[in-house]
Protein backbone atom coordinates (compact mmCIF):
# COMPACT_ATOMS: atom_id res chain seq x y z
CA MET A 1 140.58 -10.81 120.99
CA ILE A 2 140.97 -8.93 117.74
CA LEU A 3 138.11 -7.44 115.73
CA SER A 4 139.17 -6.19 112.27
CA SER A 5 137.22 -4.29 109.67
CA ASN A 6 137.86 -1.79 106.87
CA SER A 7 136.79 1.14 109.14
CA CYS A 8 136.03 2.03 112.74
CA TRP A 9 132.67 3.24 111.39
CA ASN A 10 131.81 -0.31 110.39
CA LEU A 11 132.49 -1.64 113.88
CA VAL A 12 130.58 1.16 115.63
CA ASN A 13 127.51 0.95 113.37
CA TYR A 14 127.27 -2.78 112.70
CA ARG A 15 129.01 -4.52 115.62
CA ALA A 16 128.01 -2.51 118.65
CA CYS A 17 125.83 -5.24 120.17
CA LEU A 18 128.50 -7.86 119.46
CA ILE A 19 131.19 -5.65 121.09
CA SER A 20 128.94 -5.26 124.14
CA GLY A 21 128.24 -9.01 124.27
CA LEU A 22 131.88 -9.98 123.99
CA THR A 23 132.91 -7.43 126.62
CA ASP A 24 130.25 -8.75 129.01
CA ALA A 25 131.65 -12.26 128.45
CA GLY A 26 135.06 -11.13 129.69
CA TYR A 27 136.94 -10.64 126.41
CA ARG A 28 139.47 -7.75 126.11
CA LEU A 29 138.91 -6.33 122.63
CA VAL A 30 141.37 -4.73 120.25
CA ALA A 31 140.23 -3.28 116.95
CA PHE A 32 142.45 -3.38 113.86
CA ALA A 33 141.01 -0.78 111.50
CA PRO A 34 141.96 2.45 109.67
CA LEU A 35 141.43 5.47 111.93
CA ASP A 36 138.42 7.64 111.16
CA GLU A 37 136.08 9.97 113.06
CA HIS A 38 134.47 6.97 114.84
CA ALA A 39 137.71 5.77 116.48
CA ALA A 40 137.12 7.81 119.63
CA GLN A 41 133.60 6.40 119.92
CA LEU A 42 134.99 2.89 119.63
CA ARG A 43 137.50 3.62 122.37
CA ARG A 44 134.73 4.89 124.69
CA THR A 45 133.16 1.44 124.54
CA GLY A 46 136.39 0.01 125.99
CA VAL A 47 137.87 -1.21 122.72
CA GLU A 48 141.58 -0.51 122.16
CA VAL A 49 142.19 0.66 118.56
CA TRP A 50 145.33 -0.27 116.58
CA PRO A 51 145.43 1.75 113.36
CA VAL A 52 145.89 -0.28 110.16
CA ARG A 53 146.51 1.35 106.71
CA LEU A 54 143.97 -0.31 104.50
CA ALA A 55 142.39 0.84 101.24
CA ARG A 56 138.78 -0.36 100.91
CA SER A 57 139.19 -0.76 97.16
CA GLY A 58 142.16 -1.30 94.93
CA THR A 59 144.47 -4.21 94.33
CA ASN A 60 147.99 -2.74 94.63
CA PRO A 61 150.10 -5.81 95.39
CA ILE A 62 152.73 -3.82 97.27
CA ALA A 63 150.12 -2.13 99.51
CA ASP A 64 148.43 -5.53 100.11
CA ALA A 65 151.79 -7.16 100.93
CA TRP A 66 152.49 -4.49 103.55
CA LEU A 67 148.96 -4.96 104.96
CA LEU A 68 149.69 -8.66 105.40
CA ILE A 69 153.02 -7.92 107.06
CA ASN A 70 151.33 -5.47 109.44
CA TYR A 71 148.70 -8.03 110.34
CA VAL A 72 151.39 -10.63 111.06
CA ARG A 73 153.34 -8.21 113.23
CA ALA A 74 150.30 -7.16 115.23
CA LEU A 75 149.01 -10.69 115.76
CA HIS A 76 152.52 -11.84 116.74
CA ALA A 77 152.75 -8.99 119.28
CA LEU A 78 149.35 -9.43 120.86
CA ARG A 79 148.91 -13.26 120.65
CA PRO A 80 145.09 -12.90 120.91
CA ALA A 81 142.73 -15.73 121.78
CA ALA A 82 141.06 -15.26 118.36
CA TYR A 83 141.00 -13.05 115.28
CA CYS A 84 137.48 -12.07 114.11
CA SER A 85 137.18 -10.25 110.78
CA PHE A 86 134.60 -8.36 108.71
CA THR A 87 134.80 -6.97 105.16
CA ILE A 88 137.00 -8.32 102.37
CA LYS A 89 140.62 -7.34 103.03
CA PRO A 90 140.50 -8.07 106.80
CA ASN A 91 138.89 -11.44 105.89
CA VAL A 92 141.63 -12.24 103.35
CA TYR A 93 144.86 -10.81 104.60
CA GLY A 94 144.05 -10.89 108.30
CA SER A 95 143.08 -14.59 108.06
CA ILE A 96 146.30 -15.45 106.26
CA ALA A 97 148.22 -13.64 108.98
CA ALA A 98 146.25 -15.53 111.61
CA ARG A 99 147.12 -18.81 109.97
CA LEU A 100 150.83 -17.85 109.88
CA THR A 101 150.80 -16.89 113.58
CA GLN A 102 148.59 -19.81 114.62
CA VAL A 103 145.79 -17.60 115.95
CA PRO A 104 142.27 -19.05 115.55
CA ALA A 105 140.32 -17.09 112.92
CA ILE A 106 136.56 -16.50 112.73
CA ASN A 107 135.35 -14.68 109.66
CA ASN A 108 132.14 -12.89 108.62
CA VAL A 109 131.16 -12.75 104.94
CA THR A 110 128.58 -10.00 104.84
CA GLY A 111 127.75 -10.46 101.24
CA LEU A 112 129.21 -11.52 97.89
CA GLY A 113 127.97 -8.78 95.61
CA THR A 114 127.19 -9.30 91.91
CA MET A 115 130.81 -10.24 91.13
CA PHE A 116 130.22 -13.78 92.39
CA LEU A 117 127.45 -14.34 89.88
CA SER A 118 129.62 -13.54 86.84
CA LYS A 119 132.17 -16.42 86.88
CA SER A 120 134.66 -13.87 85.48
CA LEU A 121 138.46 -13.86 85.91
CA THR A 122 137.98 -11.42 88.80
CA TRP A 123 135.55 -13.88 90.39
CA ARG A 124 138.00 -16.76 90.03
CA PHE A 125 140.86 -14.70 91.50
CA ALA A 126 138.69 -13.62 94.47
CA ALA A 127 137.50 -17.21 95.05
CA GLN A 128 141.12 -18.41 95.15
CA LEU A 129 142.04 -15.68 97.64
CA TYR A 130 139.16 -16.66 99.91
CA ARG A 131 140.10 -20.37 99.53
CA THR A 132 143.62 -19.65 100.67
CA ALA A 133 142.57 -17.32 103.48
CA PHE A 134 139.83 -19.50 104.98
CA LYS A 135 141.67 -22.80 104.80
CA ARG A 136 142.24 -22.96 108.56
CA SER A 137 139.43 -20.69 109.77
CA ARG A 138 137.49 -22.18 112.72
CA ALA A 139 134.15 -20.68 111.69
CA ILE A 140 132.88 -18.56 108.76
CA PHE A 141 129.60 -16.75 109.25
CA PHE A 142 127.32 -16.04 106.30
CA HIS A 143 124.19 -13.92 106.25
CA ASN A 144 122.08 -16.03 103.85
CA GLU A 145 121.92 -19.61 102.77
CA GLU A 146 122.78 -19.01 99.06
CA ASP A 147 126.09 -17.30 99.84
CA LEU A 148 127.07 -20.20 102.13
CA ARG A 149 126.04 -22.75 99.50
CA ILE A 150 128.18 -21.03 96.80
CA PHE A 151 131.28 -21.14 99.05
CA VAL A 152 130.73 -24.81 99.84
CA ASP A 153 129.86 -25.86 96.27
CA GLU A 154 132.89 -24.06 94.88
CA GLY A 155 135.17 -25.73 97.39
CA ILE A 156 136.21 -22.40 98.93
CA ILE A 157 135.33 -23.71 102.42
CA GLN A 158 134.49 -27.03 103.98
CA PRO A 159 130.85 -27.58 105.00
CA GLU A 160 131.66 -27.78 108.66
CA GLN A 161 133.25 -24.33 108.60
CA GLY A 162 130.16 -22.48 107.38
CA ARG A 163 127.48 -21.11 109.80
CA LEU A 164 124.43 -18.90 109.25
CA ILE A 165 123.59 -15.82 111.24
CA PRO A 166 120.85 -13.25 110.59
CA GLY A 167 123.13 -10.55 109.21
CA SER A 168 124.43 -8.26 111.91
CA GLY A 169 121.00 -8.54 113.59
CA VAL A 170 118.89 -5.66 114.66
CA ASN A 171 118.55 -3.91 117.99
CA LEU A 172 114.85 -4.39 118.76
CA GLU A 173 114.91 -1.89 121.64
CA TYR A 174 116.45 0.86 119.55
CA PHE A 175 114.40 0.16 116.39
CA LYS A 176 110.83 -0.22 117.49
CA PRO A 177 107.38 0.72 116.17
CA GLY A 178 105.98 4.19 116.70
CA ASP A 179 102.40 5.43 116.26
CA VAL A 180 102.51 6.22 112.53
CA PHE A 181 101.57 3.43 110.13
CA GLY A 182 100.72 5.42 107.06
CA ALA A 183 101.67 8.76 105.50
CA ASP A 184 99.37 11.74 105.30
CA GLY A 185 98.62 13.11 101.86
CA GLY A 186 100.24 10.24 99.92
CA PRO A 187 102.71 7.37 100.30
CA THR A 188 106.36 8.00 101.11
CA PHE A 189 108.87 5.44 99.83
CA LEU A 190 112.21 5.52 101.63
CA PHE A 191 115.43 4.18 100.07
CA ILE A 192 118.22 3.81 102.68
CA GLY A 193 121.73 3.12 101.40
CA ARG A 194 124.58 4.30 99.22
CA ALA A 195 123.56 5.62 95.86
CA ILE A 196 125.27 2.89 93.90
CA ARG A 197 123.91 0.86 91.00
CA ASP A 198 124.14 -2.48 92.85
CA LYS A 199 121.72 -1.19 95.44
CA GLY A 200 119.13 -0.46 92.69
CA ILE A 201 119.21 3.31 92.99
CA VAL A 202 118.83 3.73 89.17
CA GLU A 203 115.72 1.59 89.22
CA PHE A 204 114.35 3.51 92.17
CA ALA A 205 114.69 6.80 90.26
CA GLU A 206 113.20 5.36 87.10
CA ALA A 207 110.28 3.81 89.03
CA ALA A 208 109.62 7.21 90.51
CA ARG A 209 109.44 8.62 87.01
CA GLN A 210 106.98 5.93 85.90
CA LEU A 211 104.78 6.57 88.94
CA ARG A 212 104.45 10.34 88.45
CA GLY A 213 101.00 9.99 86.83
CA ARG A 214 99.81 6.89 88.72
CA LEU A 215 100.71 8.06 92.23
CA PRO A 216 100.96 11.86 91.88
CA LYS A 217 101.15 12.48 95.65
CA ALA A 218 103.89 9.94 96.29
CA ARG A 219 107.26 10.95 97.64
CA PHE A 220 110.49 9.09 96.92
CA GLN A 221 113.16 9.80 99.52
CA VAL A 222 116.81 8.79 99.44
CA LEU A 223 118.75 8.62 102.67
CA GLY A 224 122.36 8.23 101.49
CA ASN A 225 124.91 9.62 99.09
CA PRO A 226 126.92 8.47 96.08
CA ASP A 227 130.09 6.56 97.07
CA SER A 228 133.02 7.52 94.89
CA ALA A 229 135.11 4.65 96.31
CA ASN A 230 132.61 2.12 94.87
CA PRO A 231 132.96 1.27 91.18
CA THR A 232 129.19 1.01 90.70
CA SER A 233 128.44 4.42 92.22
CA ILE A 234 126.38 6.85 90.22
CA THR A 235 127.97 10.26 89.65
CA THR A 236 127.14 13.25 91.74
CA ALA A 237 125.92 14.99 88.56
CA GLU A 238 123.52 12.19 87.76
CA PHE A 239 122.24 12.12 91.30
CA GLN A 240 121.67 15.86 91.29
CA SER A 241 119.83 15.65 87.96
CA TRP A 242 117.21 13.36 89.60
CA ILE A 243 116.78 15.84 92.43
CA ASP A 244 116.47 18.74 89.96
CA GLU A 245 113.93 16.78 87.96
CA GLY A 246 111.86 16.22 91.07
CA LEU A 247 112.12 12.43 90.94
CA ILE A 248 113.67 12.00 94.36
CA GLU A 249 114.08 13.93 97.61
CA HIS A 250 117.54 13.72 98.99
CA VAL A 251 117.44 13.76 102.78
CA GLY A 252 121.24 13.37 103.12
CA GLU A 253 122.98 11.07 105.60
CA HIS A 254 122.06 10.92 109.24
CA PRO A 255 123.43 8.88 112.19
CA ASP A 256 119.83 8.29 113.39
CA VAL A 257 117.60 6.97 110.56
CA ARG A 258 114.60 6.29 112.82
CA PRO A 259 112.70 9.54 112.22
CA PHE A 260 112.80 8.92 108.49
CA ILE A 261 111.67 5.30 108.76
CA GLN A 262 108.91 6.39 111.14
CA SER A 263 107.48 8.91 108.69
CA ALA A 264 107.73 6.53 105.68
CA THR A 265 105.00 4.32 104.33
CA ALA A 266 107.47 1.65 103.20
CA VAL A 267 111.26 1.01 103.18
CA VAL A 268 112.52 0.14 99.72
CA LEU A 269 115.71 -1.64 98.61
CA PRO A 270 115.70 -2.91 94.99
CA SER A 271 119.24 -4.35 95.42
CA TYR A 272 120.92 -6.72 92.97
CA ARG A 273 122.20 -8.82 95.84
CA GLU A 274 122.74 -8.49 99.60
CA GLY A 275 124.26 -10.41 102.47
CA MET A 276 121.40 -9.43 104.72
CA SER A 277 119.90 -5.97 104.16
CA ARG A 278 120.38 -3.75 107.21
CA ALA A 279 117.95 -1.16 105.83
CA LEU A 280 115.19 -3.73 105.46
CA LEU A 281 115.93 -5.14 108.96
CA GLU A 282 115.61 -1.71 110.50
CA GLY A 283 112.42 -0.96 108.58
CA ALA A 284 110.92 -4.25 109.64
CA ALA A 285 111.87 -3.67 113.28
CA MET A 286 109.97 -0.36 113.15
CA ALA A 287 106.91 -2.17 111.69
CA LYS A 288 107.08 -0.82 108.22
CA PRO A 289 106.12 -2.75 105.06
CA LEU A 290 109.14 -3.66 102.93
CA ILE A 291 109.73 -3.53 99.22
CA GLY A 292 112.74 -5.37 97.91
CA SER A 293 114.23 -7.45 95.08
CA ASP A 294 113.71 -11.20 94.98
CA VAL A 295 117.39 -11.86 95.62
CA PRO A 296 119.42 -13.26 98.53
CA GLY A 297 119.58 -10.93 101.50
CA CYS A 298 116.17 -9.38 100.73
CA ARG A 299 113.83 -12.28 100.14
CA GLU A 300 114.59 -13.79 103.55
CA LEU A 301 112.80 -10.80 105.13
CA ILE A 302 110.04 -10.27 102.63
CA GLU A 303 107.14 -12.67 102.43
CA ASP A 304 105.21 -11.25 99.49
CA GLY A 305 101.86 -9.88 100.55
CA VAL A 306 102.60 -10.55 104.22
CA THR A 307 105.60 -8.45 105.32
CA GLY A 308 105.95 -6.49 102.09
CA VAL A 309 106.22 -6.90 98.31
CA LEU A 310 108.94 -8.48 96.21
CA CYS A 311 110.01 -7.19 92.82
CA LYS A 312 112.38 -8.34 90.08
CA ALA A 313 115.95 -7.14 90.35
CA ARG A 314 117.19 -4.70 87.71
CA ASP A 315 113.58 -4.05 86.64
CA ALA A 316 112.21 -0.51 87.23
CA ALA A 317 108.74 -1.48 85.94
CA SER A 318 108.48 -4.29 88.42
CA LEU A 319 109.64 -2.01 91.20
CA ALA A 320 107.08 0.59 90.19
CA ALA A 321 104.34 -2.02 90.28
CA ALA A 322 105.40 -3.06 93.76
CA MET A 323 105.41 0.52 95.04
CA GLU A 324 102.03 1.14 93.36
CA ARG A 325 100.64 -1.95 95.08
CA ILE A 326 101.77 -0.63 98.49
CA GLY A 327 100.70 2.90 97.66
CA GLY A 328 97.20 1.74 96.84
CA MET A 329 96.66 -0.11 100.11
CA PRO A 330 94.69 1.36 102.99
CA SER A 331 96.62 2.43 106.05
CA GLU A 332 95.24 -0.60 108.03
CA LYS A 333 96.89 -2.94 105.56
CA HIS A 334 100.17 -1.03 106.00
CA ARG A 335 99.83 -1.55 109.74
CA GLU A 336 99.08 -5.26 109.28
CA MET A 337 102.12 -5.78 107.04
CA GLY A 338 104.38 -3.75 109.34
CA LEU A 339 103.42 -5.67 112.42
CA ALA A 340 104.02 -8.95 110.57
CA ALA A 341 107.50 -7.68 109.59
CA ARG A 342 108.23 -6.71 113.19
CA ALA A 343 107.11 -10.16 114.38
CA LYS A 344 109.43 -11.80 111.90
CA VAL A 345 112.56 -9.93 113.01
CA GLU A 346 111.67 -10.52 116.67
CA ARG A 347 111.61 -14.26 115.95
CA ASP A 348 114.57 -14.64 113.55
CA PHE A 349 116.77 -11.56 113.38
CA SER A 350 117.58 -10.28 116.88
CA GLU A 351 121.09 -9.18 117.63
CA LYS A 352 121.09 -11.60 120.53
CA ILE A 353 121.18 -14.52 118.03
CA VAL A 354 124.41 -13.07 116.56
CA VAL A 355 126.10 -12.67 119.85
CA GLU A 356 125.20 -16.15 120.97
CA ALA A 357 126.58 -17.57 117.69
CA TYR A 358 129.92 -15.77 118.16
CA LEU A 359 130.21 -16.84 121.81
CA ALA A 360 129.65 -20.45 120.77
CA ALA A 361 132.23 -20.24 117.96
CA LEU A 362 134.76 -18.58 120.24
CA SER A 363 134.27 -21.16 122.94
CA GLU A 364 135.04 -23.95 120.44
CA ALA A 365 138.00 -22.09 118.92
CA VAL A 366 139.66 -21.21 122.21
CA ARG A 367 139.08 -24.73 123.61
CA ARG A 368 140.88 -26.49 120.72
């Protein structure tokens, strides 16, 4: 069976449990992805890696045509039981190749981004690409109901093709509560993600500025960097200016985010739109209160006043009010909210749910 993504990193970090579950079920796995420093780690899990030249961004028609040809050649050579894709270009060009080679395709739409709200020419072009690519897909997984509804309402997929899963799920044994439920000396608000505008990083920095006088002991940490490959990324200079001003503490990027979540009062993601927020899932699994925008991919995890606090998207003042609300709570209330968040992910967002959904879809696809 083929797993295809825009990087080996994506498969290692987001699909490890799925890879393990599929291997345990007896599937031989081959990854189609550009080689990166995580390729060796992927191979150690027993996955064969076939390198694919794929640019995450960009719409060069010649490069995309070659990508499609390479997918067709690889699928024709391997004749896999199924083709499973993640991220945009593997979803589009890999699925078209699967259709041409008569290989059952199963897709995963991790999120639509703000483009799908604009109804722009770019949106219409992307919608048509998806419509063509997914025409014969056996199952298409979505991470929230609104994304699924948009694809059905716009005629991009048929209702029977769409299925819901809880994002990529969360490993409840790896991410689990510790002994710390509040921060000493003042609240610590932790933003985990790329420093791009669509994740709400600008609002996070502005909210920190607004809270200087109201929560003078608060800390605002960012675990992540700007992403030059993303068109909505902030510049390195702007990011550094926030650090120099003392608005944020940059803790860099780390393969293990658990120590930072453990020492935080709350995990914050004021995103404009998500598929299903991995940062909030991990924070909830470690029994931390959540602060996030009232948008798809965040609101499914946050029950306002129970598992965390919701704020308006693109609104720094609303975010500041949400953080002030959490910051003013006693540690016992933090503990209560965090445990409610943990209970929610145990019930609805375990990785086991994702694996079972894929095994069911594969059983149906291979049987046809």
